[in-house]
């Protein structure tokens, strides 16, 4: 049943991904037909076609590289590196088309992507977007005692108000006014973090660090080793474990450790980890079960399997904060937020002394991974609709960048043609387009290398390893 579920998720991801590509290319196709341009091919995905069929003089094809699509228009700047060389029979001279027609055809793709984003935004407005209670919280749930935030004085329970004098309203991206986004896009040697504790405000001067990475990993961005607040609700307890012997079960919330309030399950995980190289001491967990609250003192023991595991309590996984509700953001706010995210990313990419480079960008593999994860989550189809708004706005705006191969490049070349009153040399144009097409394909492969590596490493880390405890005597 699990295999069948993954197959269905895979099909959903492929269909949705192709819908986004297809709608964008449909804009070019319909505009070309409207303006009387010759259309050689309508292709989804790049590379040599694995399927093709000719209908009314237009070849419809499916490539083997799942990274985009194109409409082959011989009267516009061709891209042989992507589209392939035209057939001899189809290579007869064609009449020139006006710069205005070229601009209309080039602009139609981003316009259709943006229109699809608006459609998705209206659907999200109607069906709702799931949000967690912690999404709008900037309260710290965990601070690594060995990390830079702890050394600067930040503690679990502190509420972050500003980072480098910029107010924050959320903890995690994609919002630009989130704690994590402000941290990774900060440029100073030190990061000034204004926070509130017990009603009093103060400022911590934090020196971020970078995790060491291998040559095949993306360069790590700056970190201060903090996590957001989240309920420490038990999801799974191992059979025969100390936690099971203490009567803990799914749904129990750990509210305190050794009498001290905790704001995240990481506090319990860290307490176990700390005993790996020292004497194992009993831990007292304060448990909330419904309206009842009680303490349980538990001594961690080493499981039988895996043999190299540290002493554990037997809490295999945590449920976290399940206080999810539906909000209905209006379409204008969704579009405005999506535009802000892409402009913010581009701004950070080209910022002076900024650490975000092209290596941190995501491509087709990352998009497929995100969609897969969203489909697997609770209310996944609602989250997919919301993400599709962001993705289509990104697709529209990125394609308008004035770079050869992109739609914005076609528009720029058409404007140059209009000013010069004659088209750019076909030989020069083909060289420019083919050169940038090769660069684009190389860039996509480069990004896909890191996206795939991240996905594989994440899958290995998430792989469940059975934890087996000996029966209690």
Protein backbone atom coordinates (compact mmCIF):
# COMPACT_ATOMS: atom_id res chain seq x y z
CA UNK A 1 0.00 0.00 0.00
CA UNK A 2 2.89 2.35 0.79
CA UNK A 3 4.47 1.67 -2.62
CA UNK A 4 1.15 2.42 -4.35
CA UNK A 5 0.86 5.65 -2.38
CA UNK A 6 4.32 6.77 -3.51
CA UNK A 7 3.41 5.95 -7.10
CA UNK A 8 0.32 8.13 -6.86
CA UNK A 9 2.33 10.96 -5.30
CA UNK A 10 4.89 10.66 -8.10
CA UNK A 11 2.16 10.86 -10.73
CA UNK A 12 0.60 13.89 -9.03
CA UNK A 13 3.95 15.67 -8.93
CA UNK A 14 4.71 14.95 -12.61
CA UNK A 15 1.25 16.05 -13.75
CA UNK A 16 1.35 19.27 -11.76
CA UNK A 17 4.91 20.08 -12.80
CA UNK A 18 3.97 19.55 -16.45
CA UNK A 19 0.86 21.70 -16.00
CA UNK A 20 3.03 24.64 -14.93
CA UNK A 21 5.37 24.15 -17.89
CA UNK A 22 2.54 23.48 -20.32
CA UNK A 23 0.58 26.61 -19.43
CA UNK A 24 3.68 28.79 -19.84
CA UNK A 25 4.47 27.32 -23.25
CA UNK A 26 0.79 27.46 -24.22
CA UNK A 27 1.01 31.23 -23.86
CA UNK A 28 3.82 31.35 -26.43
CA UNK A 29 2.00 28.91 -28.70
CA UNK A 30 -1.34 30.75 -28.76
CA UNK A 31 0.33 34.14 -29.17
CA UNK A 32 2.40 32.80 -32.08
CA UNK A 33 -0.72 31.41 -33.75
CA UNK A 34 -2.53 34.71 -33.19
CA UNK A 35 0.28 36.75 -34.71
CA UNK A 36 0.70 34.38 -37.66
CA UNK A 37 4.13 32.93 -36.81
CA UNK A 38 5.14 29.47 -37.96
CA UNK A 39 5.30 26.91 -35.13
CA UNK A 40 7.57 23.91 -35.67
CA UNK A 41 7.32 22.18 -32.30
CA UNK A 42 5.55 22.38 -28.96
CA UNK A 43 7.74 20.51 -26.46
CA UNK A 44 7.44 19.66 -22.79
CA UNK A 45 10.89 19.00 -21.29
CA UNK A 46 14.20 19.36 -23.10
CA UNK A 47 16.45 16.99 -25.00
CA UNK A 48 15.79 14.43 -27.70
CA UNK A 49 12.05 13.57 -27.78
CA UNK A 50 11.04 10.25 -26.26
CA UNK A 51 7.59 10.78 -27.80
CA UNK A 52 6.39 13.00 -30.62
CA UNK A 53 3.40 13.39 -32.89
CA UNK A 54 2.73 15.82 -35.73
CA UNK A 55 -0.70 17.45 -35.91
CA UNK A 56 -1.62 20.14 -38.46
CA UNK A 57 2.03 20.86 -39.19
CA UNK A 58 3.06 21.22 -35.53
CA UNK A 59 5.14 18.54 -33.83
CA UNK A 60 4.13 17.90 -30.21
CA UNK A 61 6.94 16.28 -28.24
CA UNK A 62 8.04 15.10 -24.79
CA UNK A 63 11.77 15.38 -24.09
CA UNK A 64 13.83 13.30 -21.69
CA UNK A 65 15.26 16.11 -19.52
CA UNK A 66 12.53 17.18 -17.03
CA UNK A 67 13.60 20.80 -16.67
CA UNK A 68 11.26 22.97 -18.73
CA UNK A 69 9.78 23.21 -22.20
CA UNK A 70 9.79 25.30 -25.37
CA UNK A 71 7.90 26.28 -28.51
CA UNK A 72 10.15 26.17 -31.60
CA UNK A 73 9.52 29.35 -33.60
CA UNK A 74 11.92 29.60 -36.57
CA UNK A 75 11.01 33.26 -37.20
CA UNK A 76 12.32 34.19 -33.77
CA UNK A 77 15.75 33.58 -32.27
CA UNK A 78 16.30 29.83 -32.48
CA UNK A 79 18.07 27.70 -29.90
CA UNK A 80 19.49 24.67 -31.66
CA UNK A 81 21.23 23.47 -28.48
CA UNK A 82 17.78 22.94 -26.94
CA UNK A 83 15.41 22.64 -29.89
CA UNK A 84 17.70 20.74 -32.24
CA UNK A 85 18.47 21.63 -35.84
CA UNK A 86 15.48 22.18 -38.13
CA UNK A 87 14.64 19.60 -40.77
CA UNK A 88 15.96 20.32 -44.24
CA UNK A 89 12.40 20.46 -45.59
CA UNK A 90 11.42 22.94 -42.93
CA UNK A 91 14.44 25.16 -43.43
CA UNK A 92 13.04 27.24 -46.30
CA UNK A 93 13.22 31.02 -45.87
CA UNK A 94 10.34 32.51 -43.91
CA UNK A 95 9.11 36.11 -43.91
CA UNK A 96 10.38 38.33 -41.11
CA UNK A 97 7.97 39.24 -38.34
CA UNK A 98 7.78 42.61 -36.66
CA UNK A 99 9.53 43.31 -33.33
CA UNK A 100 6.10 43.94 -31.82
CA UNK A 101 4.93 40.44 -32.77
CA UNK A 102 8.08 38.94 -31.26
CA UNK A 103 7.58 40.88 -28.04
CA UNK A 104 3.93 39.77 -27.81
CA UNK A 105 4.88 36.11 -28.32
CA UNK A 106 7.77 36.29 -25.83
CA UNK A 107 5.70 38.09 -23.19
CA UNK A 108 2.76 35.69 -23.50
CA UNK A 109 4.58 32.87 -21.67
CA UNK A 110 5.23 34.82 -18.45
CA UNK A 111 1.75 36.33 -18.75
CA UNK A 112 0.13 32.90 -18.80
CA UNK A 113 2.30 31.76 -15.84
CA UNK A 114 1.22 34.84 -13.91
CA UNK A 115 -2.41 34.22 -14.86
CA UNK A 116 -2.12 30.63 -13.58
CA UNK A 117 -0.70 32.01 -10.32
CA UNK A 118 -3.77 34.24 -10.02
CA UNK A 119 -6.05 31.24 -10.63
CA UNK A 120 -4.27 29.25 -7.91
CA UNK A 121 -4.43 32.29 -5.60
CA UNK A 122 -8.21 32.49 -5.96
CA UNK A 123 -8.49 28.75 -5.24
CA UNK A 124 -6.33 29.14 -2.11
CA UNK A 125 -8.53 32.07 -1.07
CA UNK A 126 -11.53 29.76 -1.26
CA UNK A 127 -10.22 26.49 0.17
CA UNK A 128 -7.78 28.01 2.66
CA UNK A 129 -4.08 27.70 3.47
CA UNK A 130 -2.98 25.57 6.48
CA UNK A 131 -0.86 27.45 9.01
CA UNK A 132 0.63 26.29 12.26
CA UNK A 133 0.39 28.31 15.45
CA UNK A 134 4.19 28.50 15.58
CA UNK A 135 4.44 29.96 12.05
CA UNK A 136 3.69 33.43 13.34
CA UNK A 137 5.85 33.08 16.45
CA UNK A 138 9.39 34.40 16.77
CA UNK A 139 9.92 32.73 20.13
CA UNK A 140 13.04 30.60 20.42
CA UNK A 141 12.36 26.95 21.26
CA UNK A 142 15.92 25.70 21.46
CA UNK A 143 19.41 27.20 21.66
CA UNK A 144 22.42 24.93 21.25
CA UNK A 145 24.49 25.40 24.44
CA UNK A 146 27.66 25.18 22.35
CA UNK A 147 26.51 27.58 19.65
CA UNK A 148 26.99 31.31 19.00
CA UNK A 149 23.46 32.32 20.07
CA UNK A 150 23.95 30.81 23.54
CA UNK A 151 27.34 32.49 23.92
CA UNK A 152 25.69 35.83 23.06
CA UNK A 153 23.08 35.33 25.80
CA UNK A 154 20.01 34.06 23.93
CA UNK A 155 17.95 31.37 25.68
CA UNK A 156 14.90 29.20 24.95
CA UNK A 157 11.74 31.21 25.56
CA UNK A 158 13.22 34.50 24.35
CA UNK A 159 11.11 36.26 21.71
CA UNK A 160 13.08 37.82 18.86
CA UNK A 161 11.83 41.29 17.92
CA UNK A 162 14.38 42.59 15.42
CA UNK A 163 17.46 41.40 13.52
CA UNK A 164 19.86 44.13 12.44
CA UNK A 165 17.10 46.65 13.19
CA UNK A 166 14.69 44.84 10.85
CA UNK A 167 11.46 43.66 12.54
CA UNK A 168 10.55 39.99 12.27
CA UNK A 169 7.07 38.43 12.35
CA UNK A 170 7.76 34.79 11.51
CA UNK A 171 10.47 32.29 12.32
CA UNK A 172 11.08 30.42 9.08
CA UNK A 173 11.16 31.42 5.39
CA UNK A 174 9.83 31.91 2.76
CA UNK A 175 8.66 35.18 4.32
CA UNK A 176 11.30 37.93 4.12
CA UNK A 177 10.37 39.19 7.58
CA UNK A 178 11.27 35.85 9.17
CA UNK A 179 14.05 35.20 11.67
CA UNK A 180 15.90 32.68 9.50
CA UNK A 181 15.73 34.82 6.35
CA UNK A 182 17.09 37.86 8.17
CA UNK A 183 19.91 35.74 9.61
CA UNK A 184 21.08 34.18 6.35
CA UNK A 185 20.86 37.45 4.41
CA UNK A 186 22.65 39.53 7.05
CA UNK A 187 26.05 40.81 5.95
CA UNK A 188 27.81 42.12 9.05
CA UNK A 189 30.47 40.27 11.03
CA UNK A 190 28.13 40.40 14.02
CA UNK A 191 24.34 40.18 14.00
CA UNK A 192 22.42 42.46 16.36
CA UNK A 193 19.38 40.56 17.67
CA UNK A 194 16.83 42.47 19.72
CA UNK A 195 14.79 40.17 21.95
CA UNK A 196 12.33 40.17 24.82
CA UNK A 197 12.61 38.09 28.01
CA UNK A 198 10.18 38.32 30.91
CA UNK A 199 8.87 41.64 29.59
CA UNK A 200 12.32 43.21 29.30
CA UNK A 201 14.05 43.98 25.99
CA UNK A 202 17.74 43.53 25.30
CA UNK A 203 20.14 43.14 22.37
CA UNK A 204 22.43 40.16 21.75
CA UNK A 205 25.48 40.61 19.56
CA UNK A 206 25.85 37.24 17.83
CA UNK A 207 28.82 36.10 15.77
CA UNK A 208 27.48 33.56 13.22
CA UNK A 209 29.42 30.55 11.98
CA UNK A 210 29.41 28.34 8.90
CA UNK A 211 29.08 24.57 9.05
CA UNK A 212 31.90 22.79 7.24
CA UNK A 213 30.79 21.29 3.95
CA UNK A 214 32.24 18.78 1.49
CA UNK A 215 33.03 19.70 -2.12
CA UNK A 216 29.82 17.98 -3.27
CA UNK A 217 27.60 19.89 -0.83
CA UNK A 218 26.19 23.40 -1.10
CA UNK A 219 28.20 25.95 0.78
CA UNK A 220 26.57 26.37 4.18
CA UNK A 221 25.01 29.71 5.02
CA UNK A 222 25.57 31.49 8.33
CA UNK A 223 23.99 29.91 11.39
CA UNK A 224 23.54 30.77 15.05
CA UNK A 225 22.06 27.36 16.06
CA UNK A 226 18.56 28.19 17.26
CA UNK A 227 15.19 26.58 16.54
CA UNK A 228 11.62 27.78 16.79
CA UNK A 229 9.30 27.02 19.68
CA UNK A 230 7.30 23.82 19.26
CA UNK A 231 5.32 21.58 21.60
CA UNK A 232 7.22 18.45 22.66
CA UNK A 233 4.40 15.99 22.01
CA UNK A 234 5.30 12.31 21.95
CA UNK A 235 4.39 10.45 18.77
CA UNK A 236 5.96 7.02 19.20
CA UNK A 237 7.34 5.10 22.20
CA UNK A 238 9.52 2.02 21.75
CA UNK A 239 8.33 -1.29 23.21
CA UNK A 240 10.20 -2.40 26.35
CA UNK A 241 11.85 1.03 26.62
CA UNK A 242 12.19 3.04 29.85
CA UNK A 243 9.58 5.49 28.50
CA UNK A 244 7.13 2.63 27.91
CA UNK A 245 7.81 1.25 31.38
CA UNK A 246 7.05 4.71 32.80
CA UNK A 247 3.66 4.65 31.08
CA UNK A 248 4.35 7.34 28.48
CA UNK A 249 2.27 7.12 25.32
CA UNK A 250 1.39 8.90 22.09
CA UNK A 251 -0.10 12.34 22.66
CA UNK A 252 1.68 13.02 25.97
CA UNK A 253 3.27 16.47 26.00
CA UNK A 254 6.55 17.00 27.83
CA UNK A 255 6.34 20.47 29.37
CA UNK A 256 9.39 20.46 31.67
CA UNK A 257 12.69 18.67 32.12
CA UNK A 258 14.10 18.28 35.64
CA UNK A 259 11.65 20.93 36.80
CA UNK A 260 12.61 23.48 34.13
CA UNK A 261 10.13 24.49 31.43
CA UNK A 262 11.09 23.43 27.90
CA UNK A 263 10.05 24.98 24.60
CA UNK A 264 11.04 22.18 22.21
CA UNK A 265 11.63 18.44 22.13
CA UNK A 266 15.30 19.25 21.39
CA UNK A 267 15.77 19.82 25.12
CA UNK A 268 15.03 16.13 25.80
CA UNK A 269 17.09 14.96 22.83
CA UNK A 270 20.07 17.05 23.98
CA UNK A 271 19.81 15.76 27.56
CA UNK A 272 20.10 12.21 26.23
CA UNK A 273 23.01 13.13 23.97
CA UNK A 274 24.87 14.80 26.84
CA UNK A 275 24.91 11.54 28.80
CA UNK A 276 26.56 9.59 25.97
CA UNK A 277 30.06 10.17 27.34
CA UNK A 278 29.25 10.53 31.02
CA UNK A 279 27.35 8.89 33.84
CA UNK A 280 23.71 8.21 32.93
CA UNK A 281 21.47 10.10 35.33
CA UNK A 282 17.68 9.89 35.75
CA UNK A 283 15.67 12.54 33.92
CA UNK A 284 12.44 13.86 35.36
CA UNK A 285 9.86 14.67 32.69
CA UNK A 286 6.77 16.70 33.49
CA UNK A 287 3.94 15.27 31.39
CA UNK A 288 0.64 16.87 30.38
CA UNK A 289 -2.02 14.36 29.37
CA UNK A 290 -5.33 16.04 28.68
CA UNK A 291 -6.22 17.95 31.85
CA UNK A 292 -3.83 15.86 33.94
CA UNK A 293 -0.20 16.76 34.75
CA UNK A 294 2.34 14.50 36.44
CA UNK A 295 6.07 13.77 36.69
CA UNK A 296 7.92 10.66 35.55
CA UNK A 297 11.55 10.00 36.46
CA UNK A 298 13.18 7.83 33.82
CA UNK A 299 16.65 6.32 33.53
CA UNK A 300 17.92 5.97 29.95
CA UNK A 301 19.28 2.57 28.91
CA UNK A 302 21.19 1.40 25.87
CA UNK A 303 19.06 -0.42 23.29
CA UNK A 304 19.97 -3.87 22.01
CA UNK A 305 19.82 -2.54 18.44
CA UNK A 306 21.47 -0.62 16.91
CA UNK A 307 24.52 -1.68 18.87
CA UNK A 308 26.28 1.68 18.58
CA UNK A 309 23.38 3.72 19.98
CA UNK A 310 23.73 5.89 23.09
CA UNK A 311 21.48 5.30 26.14
CA UNK A 312 17.94 6.38 25.27
CA UNK A 313 14.61 6.94 26.98
CA UNK A 314 12.77 5.22 24.15
CA UNK A 315 10.85 8.18 22.72
CA UNK A 316 11.33 7.37 19.04
CA UNK A 317 9.66 10.42 17.50
CA UNK A 318 7.86 13.63 18.32
CA UNK A 319 4.62 14.99 16.96
CA UNK A 320 5.40 18.65 17.46
CA UNK A 321 2.79 21.41 17.40
CA UNK A 322 -0.42 20.21 15.73
CA UNK A 323 -2.37 23.40 16.29
CA UNK A 324 -3.06 23.90 12.58
CA UNK A 325 -5.77 26.21 11.30
CA UNK A 326 -6.94 27.44 7.91
CA UNK A 327 -6.52 31.03 6.82
CA UNK A 328 -7.94 32.55 3.63
CA UNK A 329 -5.43 35.11 2.33
CA UNK A 330 -6.85 37.24 -0.47
CA UNK A 331 -5.30 36.75 -3.94
CA UNK A 332 -3.65 40.19 -3.98
CA UNK A 333 -1.77 39.49 -0.75
CA UNK A 334 -0.63 36.10 -2.06
CA UNK A 335 0.68 37.61 -5.30
CA UNK A 336 2.34 40.50 -3.46
CA UNK A 337 4.06 38.08 -1.06
CA UNK A 338 5.23 35.88 -3.95
CA UNK A 339 6.65 38.86 -5.84
CA UNK A 340 8.39 40.00 -2.66
CA UNK A 341 10.01 36.60 -2.22
CA UNK A 342 11.52 36.44 -5.70
CA UNK A 343 12.67 40.07 -5.66
CA UNK A 344 14.12 39.51 -2.19
CA UNK A 345 15.98 36.41 -3.37
CA UNK A 346 17.38 38.23 -6.40
CA UNK A 347 18.34 41.17 -4.20
CA UNK A 348 20.17 38.87 -1.79
CA UNK A 349 21.82 37.09 -4.73
CA UNK A 350 23.39 40.31 -6.00
CA UNK A 351 23.82 42.03 -2.65
CA UNK A 352 27.22 43.45 -1.78
CA UNK A 353 28.98 41.07 0.64
CA UNK A 354 25.94 38.79 0.54
CA UNK A 355 26.51 35.06 1.06
CA UNK A 356 23.64 33.76 -1.07
CA UNK A 357 25.00 32.70 -4.47
CA UNK A 358 23.68 30.79 -7.45
CA UNK A 359 24.66 27.58 -5.65
CA UNK A 360 21.81 28.19 -3.18
CA UNK A 361 19.19 28.41 -5.91
CA UNK A 362 16.92 25.45 -6.61
CA UNK A 363 15.93 23.87 -9.90
CA UNK A 364 13.55 21.25 -11.23
CA UNK A 365 14.73 18.54 -8.82
CA UNK A 366 14.15 20.83 -5.83
CA UNK A 367 10.67 21.75 -7.10
CA UNK A 368 9.77 18.07 -7.53
CA UNK A 369 11.09 17.35 -4.03
CA UNK A 370 9.07 20.16 -2.47
CA UNK A 371 5.90 19.04 -4.23
CA UNK A 372 6.52 15.44 -3.10
CA UNK A 373 6.93 16.51 0.52
CA UNK A 374 3.86 18.74 0.38
CA UNK A 375 1.68 15.98 -1.09
CA UNK A 376 2.78 13.67 1.75
CA UNK A 377 1.92 16.20 4.48
CA UNK A 378 -1.41 16.77 6.19
CA UNK A 379 -3.68 18.93 4.02
CA UNK A 380 -1.03 18.46 1.35
CA UNK A 381 -3.21 19.46 -1.58
CA UNK A 382 -3.91 22.85 0.04
CA UNK A 383 -0.20 23.41 0.61
CA UNK A 384 0.51 22.42 -3.00
CA UNK A 385 -1.95 25.02 -4.26
CA UNK A 386 -0.29 27.71 -2.12
CA UNK A 387 3.21 26.74 -3.29
CA UNK A 388 2.01 26.80 -6.90
CA UNK A 389 1.13 30.48 -6.53
CA UNK A 390 4.71 31.25 -5.49
CA UNK A 391 6.24 29.01 -8.15
CA UNK A 392 4.24 30.47 -11.04
CA UNK A 393 5.05 34.03 -10.02
CA UNK A 394 8.72 33.05 -9.85
CA UNK A 395 8.50 31.40 -13.26
CA UNK A 396 6.92 34.51 -14.76
CA UNK A 397 9.37 37.02 -13.28
CA UNK A 398 12.55 34.97 -13.81
CA UNK A 399 11.67 34.44 -17.45
CA UNK A 400 11.42 38.21 -17.90
CA UNK A 401 15.09 38.70 -17.00
CA UNK A 402 16.82 40.25 -20.05
CA UNK A 403 19.07 37.27 -20.75
CA UNK A 404 19.35 35.41 -24.06
CA UNK A 405 17.31 32.17 -24.14
CA UNK A 406 14.86 33.57 -21.57
CA UNK A 407 11.70 35.39 -22.67
CA UNK A 408 13.15 38.65 -21.41
CA UNK A 409 16.10 38.09 -23.74
CA UNK A 410 13.76 37.74 -26.72
CA UNK A 411 12.05 40.98 -25.70
CA UNK A 412 15.40 42.76 -25.35
CA UNK A 413 16.56 41.57 -28.79
CA UNK A 414 13.25 42.67 -30.31
CA UNK A 415 13.63 46.13 -28.79
CA UNK A 416 17.17 46.35 -30.21
CA UNK A 417 15.77 45.34 -33.59
CA UNK A 418 13.09 48.04 -33.34
CA UNK A 419 15.68 50.72 -32.55
CA UNK A 420 18.09 49.59 -35.30
CA UNK A 421 15.18 49.13 -37.75
CA UNK A 422 16.68 45.88 -38.92
CA UNK A 423 17.00 42.46 -37.31
CA UNK A 424 20.17 41.27 -35.66
CA UNK A 425 22.30 39.07 -37.92
CA UNK A 426 20.90 35.53 -37.95
CA UNK A 427 24.40 34.08 -37.63
CA UNK A 428 25.25 36.26 -34.62
CA UNK A 429 21.83 35.67 -33.10
CA UNK A 430 22.13 31.90 -33.43
CA UNK A 431 25.59 31.97 -31.85
CA UNK A 432 24.38 34.06 -28.92
CA UNK A 433 21.27 31.95 -28.35
CA UNK A 434 23.07 28.62 -28.71
CA UNK A 435 25.89 29.78 -26.44
CA UNK A 436 23.52 30.87 -23.71
CA UNK A 437 21.43 27.72 -24.20
CA UNK A 438 24.52 25.62 -23.46
CA UNK A 439 25.21 27.78 -20.40
CA UNK A 440 21.59 27.36 -19.27
CA UNK A 441 21.73 23.59 -19.62
CA UNK A 442 25.05 23.55 -17.77
CA UNK A 443 23.58 25.70 -15.01
CA UNK A 444 20.55 23.40 -14.68
CA UNK A 445 22.83 20.37 -14.41
CA UNK A 446 24.95 22.21 -11.82
CA UNK A 447 21.91 23.05 -9.70
CA UNK A 448 20.41 19.58 -10.19
CA UNK A 449 23.66 18.06 -8.84
CA UNK A 450 23.24 19.87 -5.52
CA UNK A 451 19.45 19.40 -5.42
CA UNK A 452 19.83 15.65 -5.96
CA UNK A 453 22.58 15.38 -3.36
CA UNK A 454 20.49 17.22 -0.79
CA UNK A 455 17.54 14.95 -1.48
CA UNK A 456 19.57 11.74 -1.20
CA UNK A 457 21.29 12.82 2.01
CA UNK A 458 17.97 13.89 3.50
CA UNK A 459 16.39 10.55 2.55
CA UNK A 460 19.22 8.64 4.22
CA UNK A 461 18.95 10.79 7.36
CA UNK A 462 15.17 10.27 7.51
CA UNK A 463 15.43 6.52 6.99
CA UNK A 464 14.00 4.80 10.03
CA UNK A 465 16.43 2.51 11.84
CA UNK A 466 14.64 0.07 14.18
CA UNK A 467 15.43 0.72 17.83
CA UNK A 468 15.00 -2.43 19.93
CA UNK A 469 15.13 -2.58 23.73
CA UNK A 470 15.58 -5.72 25.81
CA UNK A 471 12.49 -6.73 27.81
CA UNK A 472 12.35 -5.05 31.21
CA UNK A 473 13.03 -7.40 34.13
